[in-house]
Amino acid sequence: NPPKKYQDIVNFYFETKAYKELWEELLSVALHWVN
């Protein structure tokens, strides 16, 4: 977030062609903790 740098963090690439799989996995994270 220029000029700030977060070298210890990598963002998910939501423009990936595999976005459906990414979305489903992140949903499963939320549901894991709900359970």
Full PDB file with SEQRES, HELIX, SHEET, SSBOND, CRYST1, ORIGX, SCALE, CONECT and MASTER records, all heavy atoms in Angstrom:
SEQRES   1 A   35  ASN PRO PRO LYS LYS TYR GLN ASP ILE VAL ASN PHE TYR          
SEQRES   2 A   35  PHE GLU THR LYS ALA TYR LYS GLU LEU TRP GLU GLU LEU          
SEQRES   3 A   35  LEU SER VAL ALA LEU HIS TRP VAL ASN                          
HELIX    1 AA1 TYR A   19  VAL A   34  1                                  16    
CRYST1    1.000    1.000    1.000  90.00  90.00  90.00 P 1           1          
ORIGX1      1.000000  0.000000  0.000000        0.00000                         
ORIGX2      0.000000  1.000000  0.000000        0.00000                         
ORIGX3      0.000000  0.000000  1.000000        0.00000                         
SCALE1      1.000000  0.000000  0.000000        0.00000                         
SCALE2      0.000000  1.000000  0.000000        0.00000                         
SCALE3      0.000000  0.000000  1.000000        0.00000                         
ATOM      1  N   ASN A   1       0.886  -1.156   0.000  1.00  0.00           N  
ATOM      2  CA  ASN A   1       0.000   0.000   0.000  1.00  0.00           C  
ATOM      3  C   ASN A   1       0.926   1.209   0.000  1.00  0.00           C  
ATOM      4  O   ASN A   1       1.158   1.812   1.043  1.00  0.00           O  
ATOM      5  CB  ASN A   1      -0.915  -0.003   1.224  1.00  0.00           C  
ATOM      6  CG  ASN A   1      -1.907   1.147   1.213  1.00  0.00           C  
ATOM      7  OD1 ASN A   1      -2.113   1.785   0.181  1.00  0.00           O  
ATOM      8  ND2 ASN A   1      -2.514   1.420   2.354  1.00  0.00           N  
ATOM      9  N   PRO A   2       1.517   1.488  -1.194  1.00  0.00           N  
ATOM     10  CA  PRO A   2       2.630   2.444  -1.270  1.00  0.00           C  
ATOM     11  C   PRO A   2       2.366   3.702  -0.460  1.00  0.00           C  
ATOM     12  O   PRO A   2       1.264   4.239  -0.517  1.00  0.00           O  
ATOM     13  CB  PRO A   2       2.719   2.744  -2.768  1.00  0.00           C  
ATOM     14  CG  PRO A   2       2.188   1.492  -3.415  1.00  0.00           C  
ATOM     15  CD  PRO A   2       1.092   1.034  -2.505  1.00  0.00           C  
ATOM     16  N   PRO A   3       3.375   4.129   0.334  1.00  0.00           N  
ATOM     17  CA  PRO A   3       4.744   3.597   0.377  1.00  0.00           C  
ATOM     18  C   PRO A   3       4.917   2.400   1.316  1.00  0.00           C  
ATOM     19  O   PRO A   3       6.020   1.896   1.450  1.00  0.00           O  
ATOM     20  CB  PRO A   3       5.545   4.793   0.892  1.00  0.00           C  
ATOM     21  CG  PRO A   3       4.590   5.490   1.812  1.00  0.00           C  
ATOM     22  CD  PRO A   3       3.233   5.350   1.160  1.00  0.00           C  
ATOM     23  N   LYS A   4       3.839   1.951   1.972  1.00  0.00           N  
ATOM     24  CA  LYS A   4       3.981   0.836   2.900  1.00  0.00           C  
ATOM     25  C   LYS A   4       4.199  -0.467   2.139  1.00  0.00           C  
ATOM     26  O   LYS A   4       3.618  -0.698   1.076  1.00  0.00           O  
ATOM     27  CB  LYS A   4       2.739   0.716   3.789  1.00  0.00           C  
ATOM     28  CG  LYS A   4       2.543   1.865   4.767  1.00  0.00           C  
ATOM     29  CD  LYS A   4       1.318   1.637   5.641  1.00  0.00           C  
ATOM     30  CE  LYS A   4       1.123   2.749   6.653  1.00  0.00           C  
ATOM     31  NZ  LYS A   4      -0.062   2.523   7.523  1.00  0.00           N  
ATOM     32  N   LYS A   5       5.050  -1.321   2.707  1.00  0.00           N  
ATOM     33  CA  LYS A   5       5.313  -2.621   2.132  1.00  0.00           C  
ATOM     34  C   LYS A   5       5.067  -3.694   3.197  1.00  0.00           C  
ATOM     35  O   LYS A   5       5.433  -3.523   4.348  1.00  0.00           O  
ATOM     36  CB  LYS A   5       6.756  -2.716   1.629  1.00  0.00           C  
ATOM     37  CG  LYS A   5       7.086  -1.755   0.491  1.00  0.00           C  
ATOM     38  CD  LYS A   5       8.529  -1.920   0.029  1.00  0.00           C  
ATOM     39  CE  LYS A   5       8.838  -0.966  -1.120  1.00  0.00           C  
ATOM     40  NZ  LYS A   5      10.241  -1.125  -1.600  1.00  0.00           N  
ATOM     41  N   TYR A   6       4.453  -4.788   2.760  1.00  0.00           N  
ATOM     42  CA  TYR A   6       4.164  -5.899   3.661  1.00  0.00           C  
ATOM     43  C   TYR A   6       4.838  -7.152   3.084  1.00  0.00           C  
ATOM     44  O   TYR A   6       4.187  -8.016   2.497  1.00  0.00           O  
ATOM     45  CB  TYR A   6       2.657  -6.093   3.800  1.00  0.00           C  
ATOM     46  CG  TYR A   6       1.925  -4.851   4.268  1.00  0.00           C  
ATOM     47  CD1 TYR A   6       1.381  -3.946   3.357  1.00  0.00           C  
ATOM     48  CD2 TYR A   6       1.793  -4.579   5.622  1.00  0.00           C  
ATOM     49  CE1 TYR A   6       0.727  -2.798   3.792  1.00  0.00           C  
ATOM     50  CE2 TYR A   6       1.129  -3.441   6.064  1.00  0.00           C  
ATOM     51  CZ  TYR A   6       0.603  -2.551   5.142  1.00  0.00           C  
ATOM     52  OH  TYR A   6      -0.050  -1.416   5.573  1.00  0.00           O  
ATOM     53  N   GLN A   7       6.155  -7.200   3.263  1.00  0.00           N  
ATOM     54  CA  GLN A   7       6.927  -8.294   2.669  1.00  0.00           C  
ATOM     55  C   GLN A   7       6.543  -9.652   3.219  1.00  0.00           C  
ATOM     56  O   GLN A   7       6.834 -10.680   2.596  1.00  0.00           O  
ATOM     57  CB  GLN A   7       8.428  -8.050   2.896  1.00  0.00           C  
ATOM     58  CG  GLN A   7       8.968  -6.807   2.211  1.00  0.00           C  
ATOM     59  CD  GLN A   7       8.961  -5.588   3.137  1.00  0.00           C  
ATOM     60  OE1 GLN A   7       8.159  -5.517   4.071  1.00  0.00           O  
ATOM     61  NE2 GLN A   7       9.841  -4.632   2.869  1.00  0.00           N  
ATOM     62  N   ASP A   8       5.906  -9.669   4.382  1.00  0.00           N  
ATOM     63  CA  ASP A   8       5.539 -10.944   5.009  1.00  0.00           C  
ATOM     64  C   ASP A   8       4.157 -11.428   4.598  1.00  0.00           C  
ATOM     65  O   ASP A   8       3.677 -12.445   5.119  1.00  0.00           O  
ATOM     66  CB  ASP A   8       5.620 -10.828   6.531  1.00  0.00           C  
ATOM     67  CG  ASP A   8       4.732  -9.712   7.090  1.00  0.00           C  
ATOM     68  OD1 ASP A   8       4.380  -8.786   6.331  1.00  0.00           O  
ATOM     69  OD2 ASP A   8       4.407  -9.765   8.295  1.00  0.00           O  
ATOM     70  N   ILE A   9       3.522 -10.717   3.661  1.00  0.00           N  
ATOM     71  CA  ILE A   9       2.159 -11.070   3.251  1.00  0.00           C  
ATOM     72  C   ILE A   9       2.065 -11.101   1.728  1.00  0.00           C  
ATOM     73  O   ILE A   9       2.583 -10.222   1.036  1.00  0.00           O  
ATOM     74  CB  ILE A   9       1.138 -10.060   3.816  1.00  0.00           C  
ATOM     75  CG1 ILE A   9       1.041 -10.204   5.344  1.00  0.00           C  
ATOM     76  CG2 ILE A   9      -0.239 -10.264   3.190  1.00  0.00           C  
ATOM     77  CD1 ILE A   9       0.167  -9.165   6.001  1.00  0.00           C  
ATOM     78  N   VAL A  10       1.373 -12.115   1.212  1.00  0.00           N  
ATOM     79  CA  VAL A  10       1.091 -12.244  -0.222  1.00  0.00           C  
ATOM     80  C   VAL A  10      -0.420 -12.261  -0.390  1.00  0.00           C  
ATOM     81  O   VAL A  10      -1.127 -12.994   0.311  1.00  0.00           O  
ATOM     82  CB  VAL A  10       1.701 -13.545  -0.788  1.00  0.00           C  
ATOM     83  CG1 VAL A  10       1.351 -13.687  -2.260  1.00  0.00           C  
ATOM     84  CG2 VAL A  10       3.206 -13.548  -0.592  1.00  0.00           C  
ATOM     85  N   ASN A  11      -0.920 -11.457  -1.299  1.00  0.00           N  
ATOM     86  CA  ASN A  11      -2.362 -11.403  -1.528  1.00  0.00           C  
ATOM     87  C   ASN A  11      -2.804 -12.494  -2.496  1.00  0.00           C  
ATOM     88  O   ASN A  11      -2.060 -12.895  -3.406  1.00  0.00           O  
ATOM     89  CB  ASN A  11      -2.758 -10.041  -2.107  1.00  0.00           C  
ATOM     90  CG  ASN A  11      -2.707  -8.942  -1.068  1.00  0.00           C  
ATOM     91  OD1 ASN A  11      -2.975  -9.179   0.109  1.00  0.00           O  
ATOM     92  ND2 ASN A  11      -2.357  -7.738  -1.486  1.00  0.00           N  
ATOM     93  N   PHE A  12      -4.032 -12.944  -2.317  1.00  0.00           N  
ATOM     94  CA  PHE A  12      -4.626 -13.831  -3.304  1.00  0.00           C  
ATOM     95  C   PHE A  12      -4.869 -13.062  -4.603  1.00  0.00           C  
ATOM     96  O   PHE A  12      -5.193 -11.874  -4.589  1.00  0.00           O  
ATOM     97  CB  PHE A  12      -5.946 -14.410  -2.788  1.00  0.00           C  
ATOM     98  CG  PHE A  12      -5.782 -15.406  -1.682  1.00  0.00           C  
ATOM     99  CD1 PHE A  12      -6.121 -15.087  -0.375  1.00  0.00           C  
ATOM    100  CD2 PHE A  12      -5.294 -16.677  -1.946  1.00  0.00           C  
ATOM    101  CE1 PHE A  12      -5.976 -16.006   0.652  1.00  0.00           C  
ATOM    102  CE2 PHE A  12      -5.144 -17.606  -0.922  1.00  0.00           C  
ATOM    103  CZ  PHE A  12      -5.480 -17.269   0.377  1.00  0.00           C  
ATOM    104  N   TYR A  13      -4.721 -13.768  -5.700  1.00  0.00           N  
ATOM    105  CA  TYR A  13      -4.898 -13.178  -7.032  1.00  0.00           C  
ATOM    106  C   TYR A  13      -6.315 -13.502  -7.507  1.00  0.00           C  
ATOM    107  O   TYR A  13      -6.580 -14.554  -8.079  1.00  0.00           O  
ATOM    108  CB  TYR A  13      -3.850 -13.738  -7.987  1.00  0.00           C  
ATOM    109  CG  TYR A  13      -3.872 -13.157  -9.378  1.00  0.00           C  
ATOM    110  CD1 TYR A  13      -3.970 -11.777  -9.590  1.00  0.00           C  
ATOM    111  CD2 TYR A  13      -3.773 -13.991 -10.496  1.00  0.00           C  
ATOM    112  CE1 TYR A  13      -3.978 -11.256 -10.875  1.00  0.00           C  
ATOM    113  CE2 TYR A  13      -3.777 -13.475 -11.783  1.00  0.00           C  
ATOM    114  CZ  TYR A  13      -3.880 -12.107 -11.964  1.00  0.00           C  
ATOM    115  OH  TYR A  13      -3.881 -11.579 -13.241  1.00  0.00           O  
ATOM    116  N   PHE A  14      -7.242 -12.577  -7.223  1.00  0.00           N  
ATOM    117  CA  PHE A  14      -8.650 -12.853  -7.507  1.00  0.00           C  
ATOM    118  C   PHE A  14      -8.968 -12.823  -9.000  1.00  0.00           C  
ATOM    119  O   PHE A  14     -10.046 -13.247  -9.415  1.00  0.00           O  
ATOM    120  CB  PHE A  14      -9.543 -11.864  -6.751  1.00  0.00           C  
ATOM    121  CG  PHE A  14      -9.773 -12.245  -5.314  1.00  0.00           C  
ATOM    122  CD1 PHE A  14      -8.917 -11.807  -4.319  1.00  0.00           C  
ATOM    123  CD2 PHE A  14     -10.819 -13.067  -4.962  1.00  0.00           C  
ATOM    124  CE1 PHE A  14      -9.114 -12.167  -2.993  1.00  0.00           C  
ATOM    125  CE2 PHE A  14     -11.033 -13.441  -3.640  1.00  0.00           C  
ATOM    126  CZ  PHE A  14     -10.174 -12.992  -2.652  1.00  0.00           C  
ATOM    127  N   GLU A  15      -8.029 -12.341  -9.820  1.00  0.00           N  
ATOM    128  CA  GLU A  15      -8.228 -12.348 -11.270  1.00  0.00           C  
ATOM    129  C   GLU A  15      -7.795 -13.666 -11.910  1.00  0.00           C  
ATOM    130  O   GLU A  15      -7.863 -13.819 -13.129  1.00  0.00           O  
ATOM    131  CB  GLU A  15      -7.457 -11.191 -11.917  1.00  0.00           C  
ATOM    132  CG  GLU A  15      -8.025  -9.815 -11.629  1.00  0.00           C  
ATOM    133  CD  GLU A  15      -7.613  -9.277 -10.263  1.00  0.00           C  
ATOM    134  OE1 GLU A  15      -6.824  -9.954  -9.563  1.00  0.00           O  
ATOM    135  OE2 GLU A  15      -8.081  -8.186  -9.893  1.00  0.00           O  
ATOM    136  N   THR A  16      -7.347 -14.608 -11.086  1.00  0.00           N  
ATOM    137  CA  THR A  16      -6.910 -15.886 -11.623  1.00  0.00           C  
ATOM    138  C   THR A  16      -8.028 -16.584 -12.402  1.00  0.00           C  
ATOM    139  O   THR A  16      -9.216 -16.439 -12.081  1.00  0.00           O  
ATOM    140  CB  THR A  16      -6.426 -16.813 -10.485  1.00  0.00           C  
ATOM    141  OG1 THR A  16      -6.079 -18.079 -11.036  1.00  0.00           O  
ATOM    142  CG2 THR A  16      -7.502 -17.002  -9.433  1.00  0.00           C  
ATOM    143  N   LYS A  17      -7.639 -17.362 -13.416  1.00  0.00           N  
ATOM    144  CA  LYS A  17      -8.628 -18.132 -14.158  1.00  0.00           C  
ATOM    145  C   LYS A  17      -9.261 -19.202 -13.272  1.00  0.00           C  
ATOM    146  O   LYS A  17     -10.369 -19.676 -13.554  1.00  0.00           O  
ATOM    147  CB  LYS A  17      -7.972 -18.776 -15.376  1.00  0.00           C  
ATOM    148  CG  LYS A  17      -7.535 -17.764 -16.429  1.00  0.00           C  
ATOM    149  CD  LYS A  17      -6.902 -18.467 -17.632  1.00  0.00           C  
ATOM    150  CE  LYS A  17      -6.460 -17.443 -18.673  1.00  0.00           C  
ATOM    151  NZ  LYS A  17      -5.813 -18.105 -19.837  1.00  0.00           N  
ATOM    152  N   ALA A  18      -8.553 -19.544 -12.208  1.00  0.00           N  
ATOM    153  CA  ALA A  18      -9.070 -20.557 -11.271  1.00  0.00           C  
ATOM    154  C   ALA A  18      -9.818 -19.893 -10.121  1.00  0.00           C  
ATOM    155  O   ALA A  18      -9.805 -20.395  -8.994  1.00  0.00           O  
ATOM    156  CB  ALA A  18      -7.919 -21.407 -10.747  1.00  0.00           C  
ATOM    157  N   TYR A  19     -10.485 -18.777 -10.419  1.00  0.00           N  
ATOM    158  CA  TYR A  19     -11.143 -18.026  -9.342  1.00  0.00           C  
ATOM    159  C   TYR A  19     -12.258 -18.819  -8.670  1.00  0.00           C  
ATOM    160  O   TYR A  19     -12.515 -18.660  -7.476  1.00  0.00           O  
ATOM    161  CB  TYR A  19     -11.672 -16.690  -9.871  1.00  0.00           C  
ATOM    162  CG  TYR A  19     -12.934 -16.784 -10.694  1.00  0.00           C  
ATOM    163  CD1 TYR A  19     -14.192 -16.621 -10.108  1.00  0.00           C  
ATOM    164  CD2 TYR A  19     -12.884 -17.031 -12.054  1.00  0.00           C  
ATOM    165  CE1 TYR A  19     -15.351 -16.705 -10.851  1.00  0.00           C  
ATOM    166  CE2 TYR A  19     -14.029 -17.118 -12.808  1.00  0.00           C  
ATOM    167  CZ  TYR A  19     -15.259 -16.958 -12.213  1.00  0.00           C  
ATOM    168  OH  TYR A  19     -16.398 -17.044 -12.944  1.00  0.00           O  
ATOM    169  N   LYS A  20     -12.942 -19.687  -9.409  1.00  0.00           N  
ATOM    170  CA  LYS A  20     -14.031 -20.453  -8.802  1.00  0.00           C  
ATOM    171  C   LYS A  20     -13.497 -21.374  -7.704  1.00  0.00           C  
ATOM    172  O   LYS A  20     -14.094 -21.483  -6.622  1.00  0.00           O  
ATOM    173  CB  LYS A  20     -14.775 -21.266  -9.866  1.00  0.00           C  
ATOM    174  CG  LYS A  20     -15.580 -20.417 -10.835  1.00  0.00           C  
ATOM    175  CD  LYS A  20     -16.345 -21.287 -11.817  1.00  0.00           C  
ATOM    176  CE  LYS A  20     -17.152 -20.431 -12.793  1.00  0.00           C  
ATOM    177  NZ  LYS A  20     -17.885 -21.269 -13.777  1.00  0.00           N  
ATOM    178  N   GLU A  21     -12.390 -22.037  -7.997  1.00  0.00           N  
ATOM    179  CA  GLU A  21     -11.779 -22.909  -6.991  1.00  0.00           C  
ATOM    180  C   GLU A  21     -11.291 -22.102  -5.795  1.00  0.00           C  
ATOM    181  O   GLU A  21     -11.412 -22.534  -4.636  1.00  0.00           O  
ATOM    182  CB  GLU A  21     -10.622 -23.692  -7.612  1.00  0.00           C  
ATOM    183  CG  GLU A  21     -11.044 -24.725  -8.652  1.00  0.00           C  
ATOM    184  CD  GLU A  21     -11.291 -24.117 -10.022  1.00  0.00           C  
ATOM    185  OE1 GLU A  21     -11.113 -22.893 -10.183  1.00  0.00           O  
ATOM    186  OE2 GLU A  21     -11.664 -24.876 -10.942  1.00  0.00           O  
ATOM    187  N   LEU A  22     -10.729 -20.910  -6.058  1.00  0.00           N  
ATOM    188  CA  LEU A  22     -10.272 -20.045  -4.977  1.00  0.00           C  
ATOM    189  C   LEU A  22     -11.439 -19.619  -4.104  1.00  0.00           C  
ATOM    190  O   LEU A  22     -11.368 -19.696  -2.866  1.00  0.00           O  
ATOM    191  CB  LEU A  22      -9.564 -18.818  -5.560  1.00  0.00           C  
ATOM    192  CG  LEU A  22      -9.170 -17.718  -4.567  1.00  0.00           C  
ATOM    193  CD1 LEU A  22      -8.211 -18.248  -3.512  1.00  0.00           C  
ATOM    194  CD2 LEU A  22      -8.569 -16.519  -5.300  1.00  0.00           C  
ATOM    195  N   TRP A  23     -12.520 -19.177  -4.710  1.00  0.00           N  
ATOM    196  CA  TRP A  23     -13.695 -18.747  -3.949  1.00  0.00           C  
ATOM    197  C   TRP A  23     -14.220 -19.890  -3.083  1.00  0.00           C  
ATOM    198  O   TRP A  23     -14.541 -19.693  -1.906  1.00  0.00           O  
ATOM    199  CB  TRP A  23     -14.792 -18.271  -4.903  1.00  0.00           C  
ATOM    200  CG  TRP A  23     -14.573 -16.927  -5.524  1.00  0.00           C  
ATOM    201  CD1 TRP A  23     -13.383 -16.325  -5.790  1.00  0.00           C  
ATOM    202  CD2 TRP A  23     -15.589 -16.028  -5.975  1.00  0.00           C  
ATOM    203  NE1 TRP A  23     -13.583 -15.105  -6.390  1.00  0.00           N  
ATOM    204  CE2 TRP A  23     -14.923 -14.895  -6.511  1.00  0.00           C  
ATOM    205  CE3 TRP A  23     -16.967 -16.061  -6.003  1.00  0.00           C  
ATOM    206  CZ2 TRP A  23     -15.614 -13.806  -7.055  1.00  0.00           C  
ATOM    207  CZ3 TRP A  23     -17.670 -14.988  -6.550  1.00  0.00           C  
ATOM    208  CH2 TRP A  23     -17.000 -13.870  -7.060  1.00  0.00           C  
ATOM    209  N   GLU A  24     -14.331 -21.067  -3.673  1.00  0.00           N  
ATOM    210  CA  GLU A  24     -14.867 -22.204  -2.932  1.00  0.00           C  
ATOM    211  C   GLU A  24     -13.976 -22.554  -1.744  1.00  0.00           C  
ATOM    212  O   GLU A  24     -14.468 -22.897  -0.666  1.00  0.00           O  
ATOM    213  CB  GLU A  24     -15.012 -23.416  -3.860  1.00  0.00           C  
ATOM    214  CG  GLU A  24     -16.114 -23.292  -4.900  1.00  0.00           C  
ATOM    215  CD  GLU A  24     -17.514 -23.383  -4.309  1.00  0.00           C  
ATOM    216  OE1 GLU A  24     -17.642 -23.734  -3.118  1.00  0.00           O  
ATOM    217  OE2 GLU A  24     -18.485 -23.112  -5.056  1.00  0.00           O  
ATOM    218  N   GLU A  25     -12.650 -22.448  -1.924  1.00  0.00           N  
ATOM    219  CA  GLU A  25     -11.750 -22.762  -0.821  1.00  0.00           C  
ATOM    220  C   GLU A  25     -11.887 -21.749   0.307  1.00  0.00           C  
ATOM    221  O   GLU A  25     -11.908 -22.105   1.489  1.00  0.00           O  
ATOM    222  CB  GLU A  25     -10.303 -22.802  -1.318  1.00  0.00           C  
ATOM    223  CG  GLU A  25      -9.270 -23.002  -0.220  1.00  0.00           C  
ATOM    224  CD  GLU A  25      -9.416 -24.297   0.550  1.00  0.00           C  
ATOM    225  OE1 GLU A  25     -10.077 -25.243   0.044  1.00  0.00           O  
ATOM    226  OE2 GLU A  25      -8.864 -24.385   1.677  1.00  0.00           O  
ATOM    227  N   LEU A  26     -11.997 -20.473  -0.043  1.00  0.00           N  
ATOM    228  CA  LEU A  26     -12.132 -19.446   0.991  1.00  0.00           C  
ATOM    229  C   LEU A  26     -13.464 -19.580   1.722  1.00  0.00           C  
ATOM    230  O   LEU A  26     -13.543 -19.360   2.933  1.00  0.00           O  
ATOM    231  CB  LEU A  26     -11.972 -18.058   0.371  1.00  0.00           C  
ATOM    232  CG  LEU A  26     -10.600 -17.782  -0.260  1.00  0.00           C  
ATOM    233  CD1 LEU A  26     -10.541 -16.362  -0.823  1.00  0.00           C  
ATOM    234  CD2 LEU A  26      -9.472 -18.009   0.740  1.00  0.00           C  
ATOM    235  N   LEU A  27     -14.501 -19.967   0.995  1.00  0.00           N  
ATOM    236  CA  LEU A  27     -15.778 -20.252   1.659  1.00  0.00           C  
ATOM    237  C   LEU A  27     -15.615 -21.413   2.634  1.00  0.00           C  
ATOM    238  O   LEU A  27     -16.139 -21.372   3.757  1.00  0.00           O  
ATOM    239  CB  LEU A  27     -16.847 -20.584   0.618  1.00  0.00           C  
ATOM    240  CG  LEU A  27     -18.186 -21.098   1.162  1.00  0.00           C  
ATOM    241  CD1 LEU A  27     -18.861 -20.061   2.041  1.00  0.00           C  
ATOM    242  CD2 LEU A  27     -19.110 -21.509   0.007  1.00  0.00           C  
ATOM    243  N   SER A  28     -14.874 -22.424   2.242  1.00  0.00           N  
ATOM    244  CA  SER A  28     -14.688 -23.580   3.121  1.00  0.00           C  
ATOM    245  C   SER A  28     -13.924 -23.200   4.383  1.00  0.00           C  
ATOM    246  O   SER A  28     -14.119 -23.809   5.435  1.00  0.00           O  
ATOM    247  CB  SER A  28     -13.966 -24.707   2.377  1.00  0.00           C  
ATOM    248  OG  SER A  28     -12.577 -24.445   2.236  1.00  0.00           O  
ATOM    249  N   VAL A  29     -13.048 -22.174   4.286  1.00  0.00           N  
ATOM    250  CA  VAL A  29     -12.347 -21.686   5.479  1.00  0.00           C  
ATOM    251  C   VAL A  29     -13.353 -21.123   6.478  1.00  0.00           C  
ATOM    252  O   VAL A  29     -13.339 -21.460   7.672  1.00  0.00           O  
ATOM    253  CB  VAL A  29     -11.298 -20.618   5.098  1.00  0.00           C  
ATOM    254  CG1 VAL A  29     -10.761 -19.928   6.351  1.00  0.00           C  
ATOM    255  CG2 VAL A  29     -10.161 -21.247   4.308  1.00  0.00           C  
ATOM    256  N   ALA A  30     -14.225 -20.242   5.981  1.00  0.00           N  
ATOM    257  CA  ALA A  30     -15.232 -19.653   6.872  1.00  0.00           C  
ATOM    258  C   ALA A  30     -16.115 -20.735   7.486  1.00  0.00           C  
ATOM    259  O   ALA A  30     -16.387 -20.737   8.693  1.00  0.00           O  
ATOM    260  CB  ALA A  30     -16.072 -18.633   6.112  1.00  0.00           C  
ATOM    261  N   LEU A  31     -16.561 -21.688   6.664  1.00  0.00           N  
ATOM    262  CA  LEU A  31     -17.458 -22.731   7.167  1.00  0.00           C  
ATOM    263  C   LEU A  31     -16.747 -23.656   8.153  1.00  0.00           C  
ATOM    264  O   LEU A  31     -17.381 -24.185   9.078  1.00  0.00           O  
ATOM    265  CB  LEU A  31     -18.020 -23.533   5.996  1.00  0.00           C  
ATOM    266  CG  LEU A  31     -18.992 -22.775   5.086  1.00  0.00           C  
ATOM    267  CD1 LEU A  31     -19.385 -23.632   3.893  1.00  0.00           C  
ATOM    268  CD2 LEU A  31     -20.229 -22.332   5.862  1.00  0.00           C  
ATOM    269  N   HIS A  32     -15.447 -23.850   7.973  1.00  0.00           N  
ATOM    270  CA  HIS A  32     -14.698 -24.680   8.922  1.00  0.00           C  
ATOM    271  C   HIS A  32     -14.815 -24.110  10.330  1.00  0.00           C  
ATOM    272  O   HIS A  32     -15.068 -24.857  11.292  1.00  0.00           O  
ATOM    273  CB  HIS A  32     -13.223 -24.745   8.508  1.00  0.00           C  
ATOM    274  CG  HIS A  32     -12.353 -25.452   9.501  1.00  0.00           C  
ATOM    275  ND1 HIS A  32     -12.215 -26.828   9.524  1.00  0.00           N  
ATOM    276  CD2 HIS A  32     -11.580 -24.990  10.534  1.00  0.00           C  
ATOM    277  CE1 HIS A  32     -11.407 -27.174  10.515  1.00  0.00           C  
ATOM    278  NE2 HIS A  32     -10.998 -26.078  11.141  1.00  0.00           N  
ATOM    279  N   TRP A  33     -14.644 -22.796  10.454  1.00  0.00           N  
ATOM    280  CA  TRP A  33     -14.676 -22.186  11.787  1.00  0.00           C  
ATOM    281  C   TRP A  33     -16.099 -22.023  12.306  1.00  0.00           C  
ATOM    282  O   TRP A  33     -16.335 -22.078  13.514  1.00  0.00           O  
ATOM    283  CB  TRP A  33     -13.919 -20.863  11.766  1.00  0.00           C  
ATOM    284  CG  TRP A  33     -12.473 -21.093  11.429  1.00  0.00           C  
ATOM    285  CD1 TRP A  33     -11.811 -20.735  10.287  1.00  0.00           C  
ATOM    286  CD2 TRP A  33     -11.516 -21.799  12.234  1.00  0.00           C  
ATOM    287  NE1 TRP A  33     -10.507 -21.160  10.325  1.00  0.00           N  
ATOM    288  CE2 TRP A  33     -10.290 -21.819  11.513  1.00  0.00           C  
ATOM    289  CE3 TRP A  33     -11.567 -22.414  13.475  1.00  0.00           C  
ATOM    290  CZ2 TRP A  33      -9.145 -22.424  12.008  1.00  0.00           C  
ATOM    291  CZ3 TRP A  33     -10.418 -23.018  13.979  1.00  0.00           C  
ATOM    292  CH2 TRP A  33      -9.226 -23.024  13.251  1.00  0.00           C  
ATOM    293  N   VAL A  34     -17.055 -21.861  11.389  1.00  0.00           N  
ATOM    294  CA  VAL A  34     -18.456 -21.864  11.815  1.00  0.00           C  
ATOM    295  C   VAL A  34     -18.792 -23.210  12.445  1.00  0.00           C  
ATOM    296  O   VAL A  34     -19.450 -23.291  13.490  1.00  0.00           O  
ATOM    297  CB  VAL A  34     -19.393 -21.555  10.627  1.00  0.00           C  
ATOM    298  CG1 VAL A  34     -20.850 -21.785  11.020  1.00  0.00           C  
ATOM    299  CG2 VAL A  34     -19.206 -20.117  10.156  1.00  0.00           C  
ATOM    300  N   ASN A  35     -18.309 -24.274  11.830  1.00  0.00           N  
ATOM    301  CA  ASN A  35     -18.568 -25.615  12.362  1.00  0.00           C  
ATOM    302  C   ASN A  35     -17.849 -25.856  13.686  1.00  0.00           C  
ATOM    303  O   ASN A  35     -18.212 -26.773  14.434  1.00  0.00           O  
ATOM    304  CB  ASN A  35     -18.152 -26.670  11.339  1.00  0.00           C  
ATOM    305  CG  ASN A  35     -19.055 -26.682  10.116  1.00  0.00           C  
ATOM    306  OD1 ASN A  35     -20.236 -26.334  10.206  1.00  0.00           O  
ATOM    307  ND2 ASN A  35     -18.511 -27.052   8.971  1.00  0.00           N  
TER     308      ASN A  35                                                      
MASTER        0    0    0    1    0    0    0    6  307    1    0    3          
END                                                                             
